[in-house]
Amino acid sequence: MMKTVDLNFDLVGLDGSRVAIAGELIAGLLMSEVKGDAVKFFDWAVTFNKKEAVQMDASDLTKLRTLVQDSEKITVLVKAPVMNYLDTLK
């Protein structure tokens, strides 16, 4: 079953101020990857950067969550809210 992944939400800093939009940062992460499904990651990155949702199956959700979780390119300020959001889609 396909799920709609919409990362068009604000990430906030420790002081509660808006830091960025999750989808834009995840798009940057996807574009910086050198391993994995290049075509899929590119398509997701372009879509997230446009502030649009991506349709994903359970396997794709797992790929994205693992990528976010294991990345050394983004901080917990990005990881935690994105992973929490992805967990709600299971």
PDB file of N, CA and C in Angstrom:
ATOM      1  N   MET A   1       0.838  -1.187   0.000  1.00  0.00           N
ATOM      2  CA  MET A   1       0.000   0.000   0.000  1.00  0.00           C
ATOM      3  C   MET A   1       0.881   1.248   0.000  1.00  0.00           C
ATOM      4  N   MET A   2       0.543   2.182  -0.840  1.00  0.00           N
ATOM      5  CA  MET A   2       1.320   3.416  -0.969  1.00  0.00           C
ATOM      6  C   MET A   2       0.941   4.401   0.140  1.00  0.00           C
ATOM      7  N   LYS A   3       1.935   5.111   0.604  1.00  0.00           N
ATOM      8  CA  LYS A   3       1.750   6.146   1.620  1.00  0.00           C
ATOM      9  C   LYS A   3       2.198   7.484   1.034  1.00  0.00           C
ATOM     10  N   THR A   4       1.565   8.547   1.457  1.00  0.00           N
ATOM     11  CA  THR A   4       1.943   9.888   1.030  1.00  0.00           C
ATOM     12  C   THR A   4       2.921  10.461   2.036  1.00  0.00           C
ATOM     13  N   VAL A   5       4.122  10.779   1.570  1.00  0.00           N
ATOM     14  CA  VAL A   5       5.160  11.350   2.427  1.00  0.00           C
ATOM     15  C   VAL A   5       5.253  12.838   2.098  1.00  0.00           C
ATOM     16  N   ASP A   6       4.818  13.658   3.038  1.00  0.00           N
ATOM     17  CA  ASP A   6       4.800  15.106   2.861  1.00  0.00           C
ATOM     18  C   ASP A   6       5.723  15.737   3.907  1.00  0.00           C
ATOM     19  N   LEU A   7       6.914  16.108   3.478  1.00  0.00           N
ATOM     20  CA  LEU A   7       7.900  16.692   4.398  1.00  0.00           C
ATOM     21  C   LEU A   7       7.844  18.217   4.399  1.00  0.00           C
ATOM     22  N   ASN A   8       6.728  18.758   3.996  1.00  0.00           N
ATOM     23  CA  ASN A   8       6.556  20.204   3.952  1.00  0.00           C
ATOM     24  C   ASN A   8       6.124  20.723   5.328  1.00  0.00           C
ATOM     25  N   PHE A   9       7.017  20.538   6.301  1.00  0.00           N
ATOM     26  CA  PHE A   9       6.762  21.064   7.647  1.00  0.00           C
ATOM     27  C   PHE A   9       8.019  21.725   8.182  1.00  0.00           C
ATOM     28  N   ASP A  10       7.801  22.655   9.099  1.00  0.00           N
ATOM     29  CA  ASP A  10       8.910  23.417   9.669  1.00  0.00           C
ATOM     30  C   ASP A  10       9.709  22.580  10.660  1.00  0.00           C
ATOM     31  N   LEU A  11      11.006  22.749  10.613  1.00  0.00           N
ATOM     32  CA  LEU A  11      11.895  22.247  11.655  1.00  0.00           C
ATOM     33  C   LEU A  11      12.199  23.430  12.544  1.00  0.00           C
ATOM     34  N   VAL A  12      12.191  23.201  13.840  1.00  0.00           N
ATOM     35  CA  VAL A  12      12.422  24.298  14.774  1.00  0.00           C
ATOM     36  C   VAL A  12      13.657  24.036  15.615  1.00  0.00           C
ATOM     37  N   GLY A  13      14.308  25.119  16.002  1.00  0.00           N
ATOM     38  CA  GLY A  13      15.493  25.034  16.842  1.00  0.00           C
ATOM     39  C   GLY A  13      15.116  24.847  18.289  1.00  0.00           C
ATOM     40  N   LEU A  14      16.111  24.791  19.135  1.00  0.00           N
ATOM     41  CA  LEU A  14      15.875  24.604  20.568  1.00  0.00           C
ATOM     42  C   LEU A  14      15.076  25.751  21.172  1.00  0.00           C
ATOM     43  N   ASP A  15      15.187  26.921  20.572  1.00  0.00           N
ATOM     44  CA  ASP A  15      14.449  28.071  21.088  1.00  0.00           C
ATOM     45  C   ASP A  15      13.050  28.196  20.481  1.00  0.00           C
ATOM     46  N   GLY A  16      12.677  27.216  19.639  1.00  0.00           N
ATOM     47  CA  GLY A  16      11.349  27.223  19.038  1.00  0.00           C
ATOM     48  C   GLY A  16      11.246  28.005  17.743  1.00  0.00           C
ATOM     49  N   SER A  17      12.339  28.619  17.318  1.00  0.00           N
ATOM     50  CA  SER A  17      12.297  29.387  16.080  1.00  0.00           C
ATOM     51  C   SER A  17      12.431  28.469  14.870  1.00  0.00           C
ATOM     52  N   ARG A  18      11.802  28.867  13.771  1.00  0.00           N
ATOM     53  CA  ARG A  18      11.843  28.088  12.528  1.00  0.00           C
ATOM     54  C   ARG A  18      13.268  28.071  11.989  1.00  0.00           C
ATOM     55  N   VAL A  19      13.768  26.890  11.687  1.00  0.00           N
ATOM     56  CA  VAL A  19      15.125  26.725  11.174  1.00  0.00           C
ATOM     57  C   VAL A  19      15.099  26.466   9.670  1.00  0.00           C
ATOM     58  N   ALA A  20      14.203  25.590   9.239  1.00  0.00           N
ATOM     59  CA  ALA A  20      14.138  25.202   7.828  1.00  0.00           C
ATOM     60  C   ALA A  20      12.863  24.408   7.592  1.00  0.00           C
ATOM     61  N   ILE A  21      12.643  24.051   6.344  1.00  0.00           N
ATOM     62  CA  ILE A  21      11.561  23.147   5.980  1.00  0.00           C
ATOM     63  C   ILE A  21      12.184  21.765   5.797  1.00  0.00           C
ATOM     64  N   ALA A  22      11.583  20.777   6.426  1.00  0.00           N
ATOM     65  CA  ALA A  22      12.152  19.421   6.430  1.00  0.00           C
ATOM     66  C   ALA A  22      12.433  18.910   5.021  1.00  0.00           C
ATOM     67  N   GLY A  23      11.488  19.061   4.125  1.00  0.00           N
ATOM     68  CA  GLY A  23      11.648  18.531   2.778  1.00  0.00           C
ATOM     69  C   GLY A  23      12.831  19.102   2.036  1.00  0.00           C
ATOM     70  N   GLU A  24      13.102  20.384   2.248  1.00  0.00           N
ATOM     71  CA  GLU A  24      14.247  21.008   1.571  1.00  0.00           C
ATOM     72  C   GLU A  24      15.565  20.427   2.072  1.00  0.00           C
ATOM     73  N   LEU A  25      15.659  20.202   3.376  1.00  0.00           N
ATOM     74  CA  LEU A  25      16.891  19.615   3.911  1.00  0.00           C
ATOM     75  C   LEU A  25      17.051  18.162   3.500  1.00  0.00           C
ATOM     76  N   ILE A  26      15.956  17.420   3.487  1.00  0.00           N
ATOM     77  CA  ILE A  26      16.033  16.024   3.061  1.00  0.00           C
ATOM     78  C   ILE A  26      16.351  15.951   1.573  1.00  0.00           C
ATOM     79  N   ALA A  27      15.852  16.883   0.789  1.00  0.00           N
ATOM     80  CA  ALA A  27      16.200  16.945  -0.635  1.00  0.00           C
ATOM     81  C   ALA A  27      17.711  17.118  -0.799  1.00  0.00           C
ATOM     82  N   GLY A  28      18.301  17.995  -0.004  1.00  0.00           N
ATOM     83  CA  GLY A  28      19.754  18.179  -0.041  1.00  0.00           C
ATOM     84  C   GLY A  28      20.495  16.928   0.354  1.00  0.00           C
ATOM     85  N   LEU A  29      19.991  16.226   1.367  1.00  0.00           N
ATOM     86  CA  LEU A  29      20.603  14.964   1.788  1.00  0.00           C
ATOM     87  C   LEU A  29      20.541  13.948   0.649  1.00  0.00           C
ATOM     88  N   LEU A  30      19.384  13.814   0.037  1.00  0.00           N
ATOM     89  CA  LEU A  30      19.229  12.859  -1.058  1.00  0.00           C
ATOM     90  C   LEU A  30      20.164  13.181  -2.223  1.00  0.00           C
ATOM     91  N   MET A  31      20.319  14.448  -2.533  1.00  0.00           N
ATOM     92  CA  MET A  31      21.167  14.856  -3.653  1.00  0.00           C
ATOM     93  C   MET A  31      22.649  14.625  -3.366  1.00  0.00           C
ATOM     94  N   SER A  32      23.005  14.529  -2.092  1.00  0.00           N
ATOM     95  CA  SER A  32      24.415  14.346  -1.743  1.00  0.00           C
ATOM     96  C   SER A  32      24.812  12.877  -1.618  1.00  0.00           C
ATOM     97  N   GLU A  33      23.858  11.973  -1.780  1.00  0.00           N
ATOM     98  CA  GLU A  33      24.155  10.545  -1.638  1.00  0.00           C
ATOM     99  C   GLU A  33      24.951  10.027  -2.836  1.00  0.00           C
ATOM    100  N   VAL A  34      25.848   9.108  -2.568  1.00  0.00           N
ATOM    101  CA  VAL A  34      26.635   8.490  -3.640  1.00  0.00           C
ATOM    102  C   VAL A  34      26.314   7.005  -3.783  1.00  0.00           C
ATOM    103  N   LYS A  35      25.507   6.475  -2.887  1.00  0.00           N
ATOM    104  CA  LYS A  35      25.084   5.082  -2.930  1.00  0.00           C
ATOM    105  C   LYS A  35      23.567   5.039  -2.917  1.00  0.00           C
ATOM    106  N   GLY A  36      23.032   3.906  -3.315  1.00  0.00           N
ATOM    107  CA  GLY A  36      21.583   3.739  -3.291  1.00  0.00           C
ATOM    108  C   GLY A  36      20.980   3.926  -4.670  1.00  0.00           C
ATOM    109  N   ASP A  37      19.673   4.023  -4.715  1.00  0.00           N
ATOM    110  CA  ASP A  37      18.920   4.136  -5.961  1.00  0.00           C
ATOM    111  C   ASP A  37      18.955   5.580  -6.447  1.00  0.00           C
ATOM    112  N   ALA A  38      19.932   5.887  -7.292  1.00  0.00           N
ATOM    113  CA  ALA A  38      20.170   7.272  -7.726  1.00  0.00           C
ATOM    114  C   ALA A  38      18.950   7.891  -8.390  1.00  0.00           C
ATOM    115  N   VAL A  39      18.286   7.162  -9.252  1.00  0.00           N
ATOM    116  CA  VAL A  39      17.126   7.712  -9.967  1.00  0.00           C
ATOM    117  C   VAL A  39      15.999   8.024  -8.988  1.00  0.00           C
ATOM    118  N   LYS A  40      15.723   7.090  -8.103  1.00  0.00           N
ATOM    119  CA  LYS A  40      14.655   7.287  -7.112  1.00  0.00           C
ATOM    120  C   LYS A  40      15.000   8.438  -6.173  1.00  0.00           C
ATOM    121  N   PHE A  41      16.229   8.470  -5.657  1.00  0.00           N
ATOM    122  CA  PHE A  41      16.639   9.540  -4.742  1.00  0.00           C
ATOM    123  C   PHE A  41      16.562  10.895  -5.430  1.00  0.00           C
ATOM    124  N   PHE A  42      16.969  10.953  -6.699  1.00  0.00           N
ATOM    125  CA  PHE A  42      16.894  12.212  -7.445  1.00  0.00           C
ATOM    126  C   PHE A  42      15.449  12.666  -7.585  1.00  0.00           C
ATOM    127  N   ASP A  43      14.562  11.756  -7.983  1.00  0.00           N
ATOM    128  CA  ASP A  43      13.149  12.103  -8.135  1.00  0.00           C
ATOM    129  C   ASP A  43      12.542  12.580  -6.816  1.00  0.00           C
ATOM    130  N   TRP A  44      12.848  11.874  -5.742  1.00  0.00           N
ATOM    131  CA  TRP A  44      12.342  12.289  -4.430  1.00  0.00           C
ATOM    132  C   TRP A  44      12.866  13.670  -4.068  1.00  0.00           C
ATOM    133  N   ALA A  45      14.155  13.891  -4.297  1.00  0.00           N
ATOM    134  CA  ALA A  45      14.767  15.171  -3.940  1.00  0.00           C
ATOM    135  C   ALA A  45      14.106  16.325  -4.685  1.00  0.00           C
ATOM    136  N   VAL A  46      13.905  16.153  -5.980  1.00  0.00           N
ATOM    137  CA  VAL A  46      13.267  17.211  -6.777  1.00  0.00           C
ATOM    138  C   VAL A  46      11.859  17.487  -6.249  1.00  0.00           C
ATOM    139  N   THR A  47      11.115  16.430  -5.957  1.00  0.00           N
ATOM    140  CA  THR A  47       9.740  16.586  -5.485  1.00  0.00           C
ATOM    141  C   THR A  47       9.701  17.245  -4.107  1.00  0.00           C
ATOM    142  N   PHE A  48      10.516  16.769  -3.170  1.00  0.00           N
ATOM    143  CA  PHE A  48      10.540  17.371  -1.836  1.00  0.00           C
ATOM    144  C   PHE A  48      10.978  18.832  -1.900  1.00  0.00           C
ATOM    145  N   ASN A  49      11.931  19.134  -2.759  1.00  0.00           N
ATOM    146  CA  ASN A  49      12.413  20.506  -2.877  1.00  0.00           C
ATOM    147  C   ASN A  49      11.320  21.444  -3.395  1.00  0.00           C
ATOM    148  N   LYS A  50      10.397  20.928  -4.182  1.00  0.00           N
ATOM    149  CA  LYS A  50       9.261  21.715  -4.683  1.00  0.00           C
ATOM    150  C   LYS A  50       8.147  21.832  -3.641  1.00  0.00           C
ATOM    151  N   LYS A  51       8.391  21.251  -2.455  1.00  0.00           N
ATOM    152  CA  LYS A  51       7.409  21.241  -1.364  1.00  0.00           C
ATOM    153  C   LYS A  51       6.176  20.411  -1.722  1.00  0.00           C
ATOM    154  N   GLU A  52       6.425  19.324  -2.460  1.00  0.00           N
ATOM    155  CA  GLU A  52       5.363  18.405  -2.849  1.00  0.00           C
ATOM    156  C   GLU A  52       5.558  17.077  -2.137  1.00  0.00           C
ATOM    157  N   ALA A  53       4.507  16.272  -2.098  1.00  0.00           N
ATOM    158  CA  ALA A  53       4.538  14.965  -1.443  1.00  0.00           C
ATOM    159  C   ALA A  53       5.009  13.893  -2.418  1.00  0.00           C
ATOM    160  N   VAL A  54       5.548  12.812  -1.860  1.00  0.00           N
ATOM    161  CA  VAL A  54       6.016  11.659  -2.628  1.00  0.00           C
ATOM    162  C   VAL A  54       5.214  10.436  -2.196  1.00  0.00           C
ATOM    163  N   GLN A  55       4.798   9.642  -3.162  1.00  0.00           N
ATOM    164  CA  GLN A  55       4.120   8.378  -2.868  1.00  0.00           C
ATOM    165  C   GLN A  55       5.188   7.299  -2.684  1.00  0.00           C
ATOM    166  N   MET A  56       5.138   6.595  -1.549  1.00  0.00           N
ATOM    167  CA  MET A  56       6.124   5.554  -1.253  1.00  0.00           C
ATOM    168  C   MET A  56       5.434   4.310  -0.735  1.00  0.00           C
ATOM    169  N   ASP A  57       6.000   3.157  -1.096  1.00  0.00           N
ATOM    170  CA  ASP A  57       5.540   1.908  -0.499  1.00  0.00           C
ATOM    171  C   ASP A  57       6.352   1.665   0.778  1.00  0.00           C
ATOM    172  N   ALA A  58       6.056   0.591   1.471  1.00  0.00           N
ATOM    173  CA  ALA A  58       6.723   0.305   2.752  1.00  0.00           C
ATOM    174  C   ALA A  58       8.238   0.181   2.589  1.00  0.00           C
ATOM    175  N   SER A  59       8.679  -0.419   1.496  1.00  0.00           N
ATOM    176  CA  SER A  59      10.114  -0.572   1.250  1.00  0.00           C
ATOM    177  C   SER A  59      10.790   0.792   1.082  1.00  0.00           C
ATOM    178  N   ASP A  60      10.152   1.686   0.328  1.00  0.00           N
ATOM    179  CA  ASP A  60      10.702   3.025   0.137  1.00  0.00           C
ATOM    180  C   ASP A  60      10.739   3.809   1.444  1.00  0.00           C
ATOM    181  N   LEU A  61       9.688   3.682   2.241  1.00  0.00           N
ATOM    182  CA  LEU A  61       9.674   4.354   3.551  1.00  0.00           C
ATOM    183  C   LEU A  61      10.839   3.886   4.409  1.00  0.00           C
ATOM    184  N   THR A  62      11.097   2.591   4.393  1.00  0.00           N
ATOM    185  CA  THR A  62      12.211   2.043   5.167  1.00  0.00           C
ATOM    186  C   THR A  62      13.536   2.580   4.655  1.00  0.00           C
ATOM    187  N   LYS A  63      13.693   2.643   3.326  1.00  0.00           N
ATOM    188  CA  LYS A  63      14.925   3.183   2.738  1.00  0.00           C
ATOM    189  C   LYS A  63      15.158   4.617   3.182  1.00  0.00           C
ATOM    190  N   LEU A  64      14.104   5.432   3.108  1.00  0.00           N
ATOM    191  CA  LEU A  64      14.246   6.834   3.475  1.00  0.00           C
ATOM    192  C   LEU A  64      14.539   6.986   4.961  1.00  0.00           C
ATOM    193  N   ARG A  65      13.833   6.251   5.795  1.00  0.00           N
ATOM    194  CA  ARG A  65      14.053   6.354   7.241  1.00  0.00           C
ATOM    195  C   ARG A  65      15.470   5.928   7.606  1.00  0.00           C
ATOM    196  N   THR A  66      15.940   4.832   7.011  1.00  0.00           N
ATOM    197  CA  THR A  66      17.299   4.343   7.278  1.00  0.00           C
ATOM    198  C   THR A  66      18.333   5.359   6.814  1.00  0.00           C
ATOM    199  N   LEU A  67      18.105   5.945   5.659  1.00  0.00           N
ATOM    200  CA  LEU A  67      19.023   6.962   5.145  1.00  0.00           C
ATOM    201  C   LEU A  67      19.118   8.142   6.120  1.00  0.00           C
ATOM    202  N   VAL A  68      17.979   8.617   6.584  1.00  0.00           N
ATOM    203  CA  VAL A  68      17.960   9.736   7.530  1.00  0.00           C
ATOM    204  C   VAL A  68      18.635   9.330   8.831  1.00  0.00           C
ATOM    205  N   GLN A  69      18.269   8.184   9.359  1.00  0.00           N
ATOM    206  CA  GLN A  69      18.813   7.714  10.638  1.00  0.00           C
ATOM    207  C   GLN A  69      20.321   7.550  10.599  1.00  0.00           C
ATOM    208  N   ASP A  70      20.843   6.997   9.510  1.00  0.00           N
ATOM    209  CA  ASP A  70      22.262   6.666   9.441  1.00  0.00           C
ATOM    210  C   ASP A  70      23.135   7.795   8.902  1.00  0.00           C
ATOM    211  N   SER A  71      22.523   8.860   8.440  1.00  0.00           N
ATOM    212  CA  SER A  71      23.291   9.945   7.823  1.00  0.00           C
ATOM    213  C   SER A  71      24.177  10.673   8.833  1.00  0.00           C
ATOM    214  N   GLU A  72      25.384  10.982   8.386  1.00  0.00           N
ATOM    215  CA  GLU A  72      26.279  11.810   9.185  1.00  0.00           C
ATOM    216  C   GLU A  72      26.304  13.235   8.639  1.00  0.00           C
ATOM    217  N   LYS A  73      25.403  13.519   7.684  1.00  0.00           N
ATOM    218  CA  LYS A  73      25.357  14.832   7.033  1.00  0.00           C
ATOM    219  C   LYS A  73      24.319  15.756   7.647  1.00  0.00           C
ATOM    220  N   ILE A  74      23.425  15.202   8.467  1.00  0.00           N
ATOM    221  CA  ILE A  74      22.391  16.017   9.111  1.00  0.00           C
ATOM    222  C   ILE A  74      22.420  15.760  10.612  1.00  0.00           C
ATOM    223  N   THR A  75      21.940  16.726  11.355  1.00  0.00           N
ATOM    224  CA  THR A  75      21.967  16.644  12.816  1.00  0.00           C
ATOM    225  C   THR A  75      20.674  16.051  13.361  1.00  0.00           C
ATOM    226  N   VAL A  76      20.676  15.794  14.648  1.00  0.00           N
ATOM    227  CA  VAL A  76      19.473  15.269  15.302  1.00  0.00           C
ATOM    228  C   VAL A  76      18.317  16.269  15.226  1.00  0.00           C
ATOM    229  N   LEU A  77      18.629  17.533  15.058  1.00  0.00           N
ATOM    230  CA  LEU A  77      17.589  18.554  14.907  1.00  0.00           C
ATOM    231  C   LEU A  77      16.725  18.270  13.679  1.00  0.00           C
ATOM    232  N   VAL A  78      17.314  17.657  12.675  1.00  0.00           N
ATOM    233  CA  VAL A  78      16.593  17.261  11.464  1.00  0.00           C
ATOM    234  C   VAL A  78      16.131  15.808  11.588  1.00  0.00           C
ATOM    235  N   LYS A  79      17.024  14.949  12.039  1.00  0.00           N
ATOM    236  CA  LYS A  79      16.718  13.520  12.090  1.00  0.00           C
ATOM    237  C   LYS A  79      15.485  13.195  12.915  1.00  0.00           C
ATOM    238  N   ALA A  80      15.437  13.671  14.144  1.00  0.00           N
ATOM    239  CA  ALA A  80      14.358  13.280  15.059  1.00  0.00           C
ATOM    240  C   ALA A  80      12.971  13.630  14.530  1.00  0.00           C
ATOM    241  N   PRO A  81      12.708  14.883  14.108  1.00  0.00           N
ATOM    242  CA  PRO A  81      11.356  15.180  13.621  1.00  0.00           C
ATOM    243  C   PRO A  81      10.999  14.412  12.347  1.00  0.00           C
ATOM    244  N   VAL A  82      11.957  14.236  11.461  1.00  0.00           N
ATOM    245  CA  VAL A  82      11.674  13.518  10.211  1.00  0.00           C
ATOM    246  C   VAL A  82      11.413  12.042  10.504  1.00  0.00           C
ATOM    247  N   MET A  83      12.245  11.423  11.338  1.00  0.00           N
ATOM    248  CA  MET A  83      12.037  10.018  11.677  1.00  0.00           C
ATOM    249  C   MET A  83      10.717   9.819  12.413  1.00  0.00           C
ATOM    250  N   ASN A  84      10.395  10.728  13.329  1.00  0.00           N
ATOM    251  CA  ASN A  84       9.114  10.647  14.049  1.00  0.00           C
ATOM    252  C   ASN A  84       7.947  10.736  13.077  1.00  0.00           C
ATOM    253  N   TYR A  85       8.042  11.653  12.111  1.00  0.00           N
ATOM    254  CA  TYR A  85       6.985  11.791  11.114  1.00  0.00           C
ATOM    255  C   TYR A  85       6.865  10.503  10.279  1.00  0.00           C
ATOM    256  N   LEU A  86       7.993   9.980   9.798  1.00  0.00           N
ATOM    257  CA  LEU A  86       7.951   8.773   8.979  1.00  0.00           C
ATOM    258  C   LEU A  86       7.364   7.591   9.761  1.00  0.00           C
ATOM    259  N   ASP A  87       7.629   7.527  11.064  1.00  0.00           N
ATOM    260  CA  ASP A  87       7.083   6.453  11.891  1.00  0.00           C
ATOM    261  C   ASP A  87       5.560   6.514  11.971  1.00  0.00           C
ATOM    262  N   THR A  88       4.973   7.699  11.826  1.00  0.00           N
ATOM    263  CA  THR A  88       3.512   7.815  11.869  1.00  0.00           C
ATOM    264  C   THR A  88       2.860   7.234  10.619  1.00  0.00           C
ATOM    265  N   LEU A  89       3.632   7.028   9.562  1.00  0.00           N
ATOM    266  CA  LEU A  89       3.087   6.550   8.293  1.00  0.00           C
ATOM    267  C   LEU A  89       3.055   5.028   8.175  1.00  0.00           C
ATOM    268  N   LYS A  90       3.624   4.336   9.128  1.00  0.00           N
ATOM    269  CA  LYS A  90       3.695   2.863   9.035  1.00  0.00           C
ATOM    270  C   LYS A  90       2.328   2.223   9.141  1.00  0.00           C
TER     271      LYS A  90
END
